Structures are given as structure tokens and as C-alpha cells.
Amino acid sequence: MVCLAALLGASGLSSCNYNSLVDQQQSTMQAWAQVENQYQRRADLIPNLVNTVKGYATHESETLEKVTLARAKATSITIDANDLNEETLAKYQEAQSELSSALKSLLAVTEAYPDLKANENFMNLQTQLEGTENRIATERMRYTEEVQKYNSSIKHFPTNIYAGWFGFKEMPQFKADAGASKAPEVKF
């Protein structure tokens, strides 16, 4: 009778912890979906931006090609939230960083074209891109917070026992880009 009561008690605790872990895992996966959504929004803006710049900066074809190739690479990498791990996230993040770098180069090139900078379509696209970059940062922060809560939960005792039984695994975090710890050099 005591064994039966202990078994029922353990079962009740495990189902509560299991349900809690499922909820946290789903919240983390939802946060990841929002990160991908914002990266896709950025990718969708890029062809319009490239085409607008093309009309003004025809001899900047190398820069435009780099942006196009980086976009193609970034959009070719998709990750199912169920298969999210350190390796897949690192590949995804690397491709997105390459795209960010290519976009920075493109925007730097546009400084040499006053007519382009004054173009209403270009200014609108640039504003949308800036807003999207802010949204990406916000969604990455939300994902990071959800992952931190989930990863902490599966490591706490006694939940760590149940998490192991039910196959809950740690979710990966974003890492800072290489060189992010160095402050940019500003020259006047």
C-alpha cells in the first residue's frame, strides 16, 4: 500500500512537471518561430533594396552580388524547432551574420550616391530594414529568455529526473558574433 501511494505520488509529480516542461518547451519553440519570422521579413525586403540600388549604382555589381548570395545562403538554411541544437543554430547564425555584413557593405556604398539616398523608395526600404533589425534583436532576446527559463527548469531537482525520463534536452542559445567584444574604432 505504501509502495502504491509512493508510485501514485511520483506519477502525479511527474505529470505536473511533464506538463510544465511541455509548456516551456512550446514557449521556447514559439519564440524561435518569431526569430525566424523576423529574419524572413528582412530577407523579403532585400530584393527590393537591391533593385532600388541597382538603378543608381550599376557599377557596384560586386556588392550587389554579395548581398544576393548572402541572402540566398541565409534563406536556404531552415531549422525545425524540434531539431534546434548548438551546431544547427551556429550555422544559421553564421549565415545571418554574413547577410548582415553584406547589407552593411551595401548601405555603406550607397553613401556615395546622393540621388539614391534622396530616393523615397530607398529611404522607405532603409527605414523598414532598420525596423526589422530592431525586431530581430527583440525576438532574439525573447528567445534567449525563454531558453534560459526552459534550460533552468530541466536542470532543477527533481525536475531534472523527469526531464531525463521524458527526453527533454537543453536548447541552444545564440552566441555573440566573432569580434563583437571589440569596440569599433571611430576616427574623425
C-alpha atoms as a PDB file:
ATOM      1  CA  MET A   1       0.000   0.000   0.000  1.00  0.00           C
ATOM      2  CA  VAL A   2       2.854   2.388   0.831  1.00  0.00           C
ATOM      3  CA  CYS A   3       4.557   1.489  -2.466  1.00  0.00           C
ATOM      4  CA  LEU A   4       1.329   2.165  -4.343  1.00  0.00           C
ATOM      5  CA  ALA A   5       0.929   5.565  -2.658  1.00  0.00           C
ATOM      6  CA  ALA A   6       4.557   6.449  -3.441  1.00  0.00           C
ATOM      7  CA  LEU A   7       4.101   5.356  -7.044  1.00  0.00           C
ATOM      8  CA  LEU A   8       0.915   7.429  -7.408  1.00  0.00           C
ATOM      9  CA  GLY A   9       2.608  10.430  -5.785  1.00  0.00           C
ATOM     10  CA  ALA A  10       5.614  10.160  -8.102  1.00  0.00           C
ATOM     11  CA  SER A  11       3.298   9.775 -11.077  1.00  0.00           C
ATOM     12  CA  GLY A  12       1.373  12.900 -10.095  1.00  0.00           C
ATOM     13  CA  LEU A  13       4.541  14.910  -9.666  1.00  0.00           C
ATOM     14  CA  SER A  14       5.954  13.709 -12.954  1.00  0.00           C
ATOM     15  CA  SER A  15       2.809  14.599 -14.898  1.00  0.00           C
ATOM     16  CA  CYS A  16       2.795  18.108 -13.394  1.00  0.00           C
ATOM     17  CA  ASN A  17       6.470  18.550 -14.216  1.00  0.00           C
ATOM     18  CA  TYR A  18       5.988  16.979 -17.621  1.00  0.00           C
ATOM     19  CA  ASN A  19       3.154  19.369 -18.479  1.00  0.00           C
ATOM     20  CA  SER A  20       5.153  22.322 -17.218  1.00  0.00           C
ATOM     21  CA  LEU A  21       8.151  21.291 -19.307  1.00  0.00           C
ATOM     22  CA  VAL A  22       5.969  20.840 -22.384  1.00  0.00           C
ATOM     23  CA  ASP A  23       4.563  24.344 -21.885  1.00  0.00           C
ATOM     24  CA  GLN A  24       8.043  25.821 -21.502  1.00  0.00           C
ATOM     25  CA  GLN A  25       9.364  23.893 -24.486  1.00  0.00           C
ATOM     26  CA  GLN A  26       6.448  25.127 -26.612  1.00  0.00           C
ATOM     27  CA  SER A  27       7.067  28.718 -25.487  1.00  0.00           C
ATOM     28  CA  THR A  28      10.698  28.367 -26.498  1.00  0.00           C
ATOM     29  CA  MET A  29       9.744  26.940 -29.891  1.00  0.00           C
ATOM     30  CA  GLN A  30       7.253  29.777 -30.397  1.00  0.00           C
ATOM     31  CA  ALA A  31       9.956  32.310 -29.562  1.00  0.00           C
ATOM     32  CA  TRP A  32      12.222  30.618 -32.129  1.00  0.00           C
ATOM     33  CA  ALA A  33       9.479  30.867 -34.745  1.00  0.00           C
ATOM     34  CA  GLN A  34       9.324  34.623 -34.136  1.00  0.00           C
ATOM     35  CA  VAL A  35      13.092  34.909 -34.611  1.00  0.00           C
ATOM     36  CA  GLU A  36      12.796  33.107 -37.950  1.00  0.00           C
ATOM     37  CA  ASN A  37       9.812  35.265 -38.885  1.00  0.00           C
ATOM     38  CA  GLN A  38      11.815  38.462 -38.460  1.00  0.00           C
ATOM     39  CA  TYR A  39      14.819  37.092 -40.350  1.00  0.00           C
ATOM     40  CA  GLN A  40      12.431  36.154 -43.174  1.00  0.00           C
ATOM     41  CA  ARG A  41      10.983  39.664 -43.134  1.00  0.00           C
ATOM     42  CA  ARG A  42      14.497  41.026 -43.611  1.00  0.00           C
ATOM     43  CA  ALA A  43      15.172  38.567 -46.435  1.00  0.00           C
ATOM     44  CA  ASP A  44      11.941  39.645 -48.132  1.00  0.00           C
ATOM     45  CA  LEU A  45      12.990  43.321 -48.056  1.00  0.00           C
ATOM     46  CA  ILE A  46      16.401  42.708 -49.611  1.00  0.00           C
ATOM     47  CA  PRO A  47      15.392  42.115 -53.273  1.00  0.00           C
ATOM     48  CA  ASN A  48      13.556  45.452 -53.318  1.00  0.00           C
ATOM     49  CA  LEU A  49      16.531  47.190 -51.723  1.00  0.00           C
ATOM     50  CA  VAL A  50      18.973  45.612 -54.192  1.00  0.00           C
ATOM     51  CA  ASN A  51      16.792  46.533 -57.169  1.00  0.00           C
ATOM     52  CA  THR A  52      16.489  50.122 -55.976  1.00  0.00           C
ATOM     53  CA  VAL A  53      20.252  50.421 -55.525  1.00  0.00           C
ATOM     54  CA  LYS A  54      20.861  48.748 -58.918  1.00  0.00           C
ATOM     55  CA  GLY A  55      19.149  51.605 -60.680  1.00  0.00           C
ATOM     56  CA  TYR A  56      21.593  54.123 -59.224  1.00  0.00           C
ATOM     57  CA  ALA A  57      24.794  52.176 -58.633  1.00  0.00           C
ATOM     58  CA  THR A  58      25.219  49.983 -61.678  1.00  0.00           C
ATOM     59  CA  HIS A  59      28.994  49.662 -61.255  1.00  0.00           C
ATOM     60  CA  GLU A  60      28.581  48.297 -57.705  1.00  0.00           C
ATOM     61  CA  SER A  61      27.668  44.872 -59.070  1.00  0.00           C
ATOM     62  CA  GLU A  62      30.138  43.035 -56.789  1.00  0.00           C
ATOM     63  CA  THR A  63      28.485  44.443 -53.672  1.00  0.00           C
ATOM     64  CA  LEU A  64      25.013  43.697 -55.010  1.00  0.00           C
ATOM     65  CA  GLU A  65      26.075  40.148 -55.878  1.00  0.00           C
ATOM     66  CA  LYS A  66      27.459  39.598 -52.364  1.00  0.00           C
ATOM     67  CA  VAL A  67      24.150  40.692 -50.856  1.00  0.00           C
ATOM     68  CA  THR A  68      22.191  38.448 -53.210  1.00  0.00           C
ATOM     69  CA  LEU A  69      24.407  35.428 -52.490  1.00  0.00           C
ATOM     70  CA  ALA A  70      24.341  36.040 -48.736  1.00  0.00           C
ATOM     71  CA  ARG A  71      20.532  36.294 -48.850  1.00  0.00           C
ATOM     72  CA  ALA A  72      20.305  33.046 -50.813  1.00  0.00           C
ATOM     73  CA  LYS A  73      22.531  31.276 -48.283  1.00  0.00           C
ATOM     74  CA  ALA A  74      20.658  32.695 -45.295  1.00  0.00           C
ATOM     75  CA  THR A  75      17.254  31.711 -46.649  1.00  0.00           C
ATOM     76  CA  SER A  76      18.420  28.232 -47.631  1.00  0.00           C
ATOM     77  CA  ILE A  77      19.117  27.335 -44.010  1.00  0.00           C
ATOM     78  CA  THR A  78      15.952  26.462 -42.151  1.00  0.00           C
ATOM     79  CA  ILE A  79      15.793  24.803 -38.796  1.00  0.00           C
ATOM     80  CA  ASP A  80      12.883  22.849 -37.428  1.00  0.00           C
ATOM     81  CA  ALA A  81      12.468  23.969 -33.820  1.00  0.00           C
ATOM     82  CA  ASN A  82      12.440  20.294 -32.811  1.00  0.00           C
ATOM     83  CA  ASP A  83      15.932  19.845 -34.291  1.00  0.00           C
ATOM     84  CA  LEU A  84      17.418  23.006 -32.833  1.00  0.00           C
ATOM     85  CA  ASN A  85      20.877  22.331 -31.398  1.00  0.00           C
ATOM     86  CA  GLU A  86      24.203  24.135 -30.961  1.00  0.00           C
ATOM     87  CA  GLU A  87      25.502  23.094 -34.394  1.00  0.00           C
ATOM     88  CA  THR A  88      22.403  23.977 -36.421  1.00  0.00           C
ATOM     89  CA  LEU A  89      21.965  27.273 -34.584  1.00  0.00           C
ATOM     90  CA  ALA A  90      25.631  28.165 -35.208  1.00  0.00           C
ATOM     91  CA  LYS A  91      25.239  27.529 -38.958  1.00  0.00           C
ATOM     92  CA  TYR A  92      22.041  29.554 -39.045  1.00  0.00           C
ATOM     93  CA  GLN A  93      23.603  32.394 -37.081  1.00  0.00           C
ATOM     94  CA  GLU A  94      26.707  32.396 -39.319  1.00  0.00           C
ATOM     95  CA  ALA A  95      24.595  32.715 -42.470  1.00  0.00           C
ATOM     96  CA  GLN A  96      22.540  35.518 -40.928  1.00  0.00           C
ATOM     97  CA  SER A  97      25.733  37.312 -39.845  1.00  0.00           C
ATOM     98  CA  GLU A  98      27.113  37.086 -43.397  1.00  0.00           C
ATOM     99  CA  LEU A  99      23.905  38.648 -44.664  1.00  0.00           C
ATOM    100  CA  SER A 100      24.112  41.423 -42.062  1.00  0.00           C
ATOM    101  CA  SER A 101      27.693  42.128 -43.109  1.00  0.00           C
ATOM    102  CA  ALA A 102      26.763  42.228 -46.809  1.00  0.00           C
ATOM    103  CA  LEU A 103      23.896  44.610 -46.048  1.00  0.00           C
ATOM    104  CA  LYS A 104      26.229  46.911 -44.117  1.00  0.00           C
ATOM    105  CA  SER A 105      28.542  46.978 -47.140  1.00  0.00           C
ATOM    106  CA  LEU A 106      25.623  47.778 -49.427  1.00  0.00           C
ATOM    107  CA  LEU A 107      24.422  50.612 -47.209  1.00  0.00           C
ATOM    108  CA  ALA A 108      27.972  51.979 -46.966  1.00  0.00           C
ATOM    109  CA  VAL A 109      28.242  52.006 -50.770  1.00  0.00           C
ATOM    110  CA  THR A 110      25.023  53.982 -51.059  1.00  0.00           C
ATOM    111  CA  GLU A 111      26.659  56.880 -49.219  1.00  0.00           C
ATOM    112  CA  ALA A 112      28.418  57.731 -52.498  1.00  0.00           C
ATOM    113  CA  TYR A 113      25.089  58.228 -54.302  1.00  0.00           C
ATOM    114  CA  PRO A 114      23.240  61.348 -53.111  1.00  0.00           C
ATOM    115  CA  ASP A 115      20.369  60.784 -55.563  1.00  0.00           C
ATOM    116  CA  LEU A 116      19.866  57.286 -54.192  1.00  0.00           C
ATOM    117  CA  LYS A 117      19.924  58.492 -50.593  1.00  0.00           C
ATOM    118  CA  ALA A 118      17.240  61.027 -51.511  1.00  0.00           C
ATOM    119  CA  ASN A 119      15.071  58.430 -53.286  1.00  0.00           C
ATOM    120  CA  GLU A 120      11.822  57.999 -51.381  1.00  0.00           C
ATOM    121  CA  ASN A 121      11.600  54.269 -52.145  1.00  0.00           C
ATOM    122  CA  PHE A 122      15.153  53.710 -50.920  1.00  0.00           C
ATOM    123  CA  MET A 123      14.581  55.735 -47.757  1.00  0.00           C
ATOM    124  CA  ASN A 124      11.398  53.741 -47.043  1.00  0.00           C
ATOM    125  CA  LEU A 125      13.194  50.424 -47.573  1.00  0.00           C
ATOM    126  CA  GLN A 126      16.099  51.527 -45.393  1.00  0.00           C
ATOM    127  CA  THR A 127      13.679  52.526 -42.623  1.00  0.00           C
ATOM    128  CA  GLN A 128      11.887  49.186 -42.883  1.00  0.00           C
ATOM    129  CA  LEU A 129      15.214  47.362 -42.772  1.00  0.00           C
ATOM    130  CA  GLU A 130      16.305  49.277 -39.676  1.00  0.00           C
ATOM    131  CA  GLY A 131      12.982  48.484 -38.002  1.00  0.00           C
ATOM    132  CA  THR A 132      13.364  44.819 -38.925  1.00  0.00           C
ATOM    133  CA  GLU A 133      16.871  44.710 -37.444  1.00  0.00           C
ATOM    134  CA  ASN A 134      15.379  46.047 -34.200  1.00  0.00           C
ATOM    135  CA  ARG A 135      12.642  43.409 -34.341  1.00  0.00           C
ATOM    136  CA  ILE A 136      15.252  40.696 -34.879  1.00  0.00           C
ATOM    137  CA  ALA A 137      17.145  41.873 -31.808  1.00  0.00           C
ATOM    138  CA  THR A 138      13.934  41.919 -29.759  1.00  0.00           C
ATOM    139  CA  GLU A 139      12.857  38.433 -30.855  1.00  0.00           C
ATOM    140  CA  ARG A 140      16.341  37.019 -30.258  1.00  0.00           C
ATOM    141  CA  MET A 141      16.211  38.473 -26.741  1.00  0.00           C
ATOM    142  CA  ARG A 142      12.786  36.883 -26.138  1.00  0.00           C
ATOM    143  CA  TYR A 143      14.052  33.545 -27.446  1.00  0.00           C
ATOM    144  CA  THR A 144      17.097  33.800 -25.182  1.00  0.00           C
ATOM    145  CA  GLU A 145      14.867  34.479 -22.164  1.00  0.00           C
ATOM    146  CA  GLU A 146      12.591  31.514 -22.968  1.00  0.00           C
ATOM    147  CA  VAL A 147      15.557  29.198 -23.475  1.00  0.00           C
ATOM    148  CA  GLN A 148      17.065  30.328 -20.179  1.00  0.00           C
ATOM    149  CA  LYS A 149      13.815  29.540 -18.315  1.00  0.00           C
ATOM    150  CA  TYR A 150      13.405  26.178 -20.036  1.00  0.00           C
ATOM    151  CA  ASN A 151      17.042  25.123 -19.616  1.00  0.00           C
ATOM    152  CA  SER A 152      16.966  26.102 -15.943  1.00  0.00           C
ATOM    153  CA  SER A 153      13.780  24.099 -15.408  1.00  0.00           C
ATOM    154  CA  ILE A 154      15.172  20.893 -16.850  1.00  0.00           C
ATOM    155  CA  LYS A 155      18.263  21.210 -14.632  1.00  0.00           C
ATOM    156  CA  HIS A 156      16.461  21.786 -11.305  1.00  0.00           C
ATOM    157  CA  PHE A 157      15.915  18.886  -8.947  1.00  0.00           C
ATOM    158  CA  PRO A 158      13.666  16.858  -9.056  1.00  0.00           C
ATOM    159  CA  THR A 159      12.527  18.035 -12.493  1.00  0.00           C
ATOM    160  CA  ASN A 160      15.880  17.023 -13.955  1.00  0.00           C
ATOM    161  CA  ILE A 161      14.953  13.395 -13.238  1.00  0.00           C
ATOM    162  CA  TYR A 162      11.628  13.690 -15.058  1.00  0.00           C
ATOM    163  CA  ALA A 163      13.185  15.695 -17.873  1.00  0.00           C
ATOM    164  CA  GLY A 164      15.659  12.888 -18.457  1.00  0.00           C
ATOM    165  CA  TRP A 165      12.949  10.245 -18.397  1.00  0.00           C
ATOM    166  CA  PHE A 166      10.842  12.106 -20.942  1.00  0.00           C
ATOM    167  CA  GLY A 167      13.711  13.143 -23.210  1.00  0.00           C
ATOM    168  CA  PHE A 168      13.708  16.901 -22.633  1.00  0.00           C
ATOM    169  CA  LYS A 169      17.047  18.241 -23.811  1.00  0.00           C
ATOM    170  CA  GLU A 170      18.758  21.563 -23.351  1.00  0.00           C
ATOM    171  CA  MET A 171      18.000  24.127 -26.076  1.00  0.00           C
ATOM    172  CA  PRO A 172      20.805  26.184 -27.657  1.00  0.00           C
ATOM    173  CA  GLN A 173      21.436  29.873 -27.142  1.00  0.00           C
ATOM    174  CA  PHE A 174      22.636  32.496 -29.577  1.00  0.00           C
ATOM    175  CA  LYS A 175      26.309  33.298 -29.287  1.00  0.00           C
ATOM    176  CA  ALA A 176      27.871  36.694 -29.876  1.00  0.00           C
ATOM    177  CA  ASP A 177      29.309  37.125 -33.354  1.00  0.00           C
ATOM    178  CA  ALA A 178      33.066  36.850 -33.708  1.00  0.00           C
ATOM    179  CA  GLY A 179      34.651  40.194 -32.908  1.00  0.00           C
ATOM    180  CA  ALA A 180      31.540  41.505 -31.157  1.00  0.00           C
ATOM    181  CA  SER A 181      33.519  42.105 -27.954  1.00  0.00           C
ATOM    182  CA  LYS A 182      35.793  44.635 -29.696  1.00  0.00           C
ATOM    183  CA  ALA A 183      34.520  48.177 -29.832  1.00  0.00           C
ATOM    184  CA  PRO A 184      34.508  49.670 -33.319  1.00  0.00           C
ATOM    185  CA  GLU A 185      37.275  52.160 -33.987  1.00  0.00           C
ATOM    186  CA  VAL A 186      35.950  55.649 -34.606  1.00  0.00           C
ATOM    187  CA  LYS A 187      38.118  58.140 -36.495  1.00  0.00           C
ATOM    188  CA  PHE A 188      37.373  61.786 -37.110  1.00  0.00           C
END
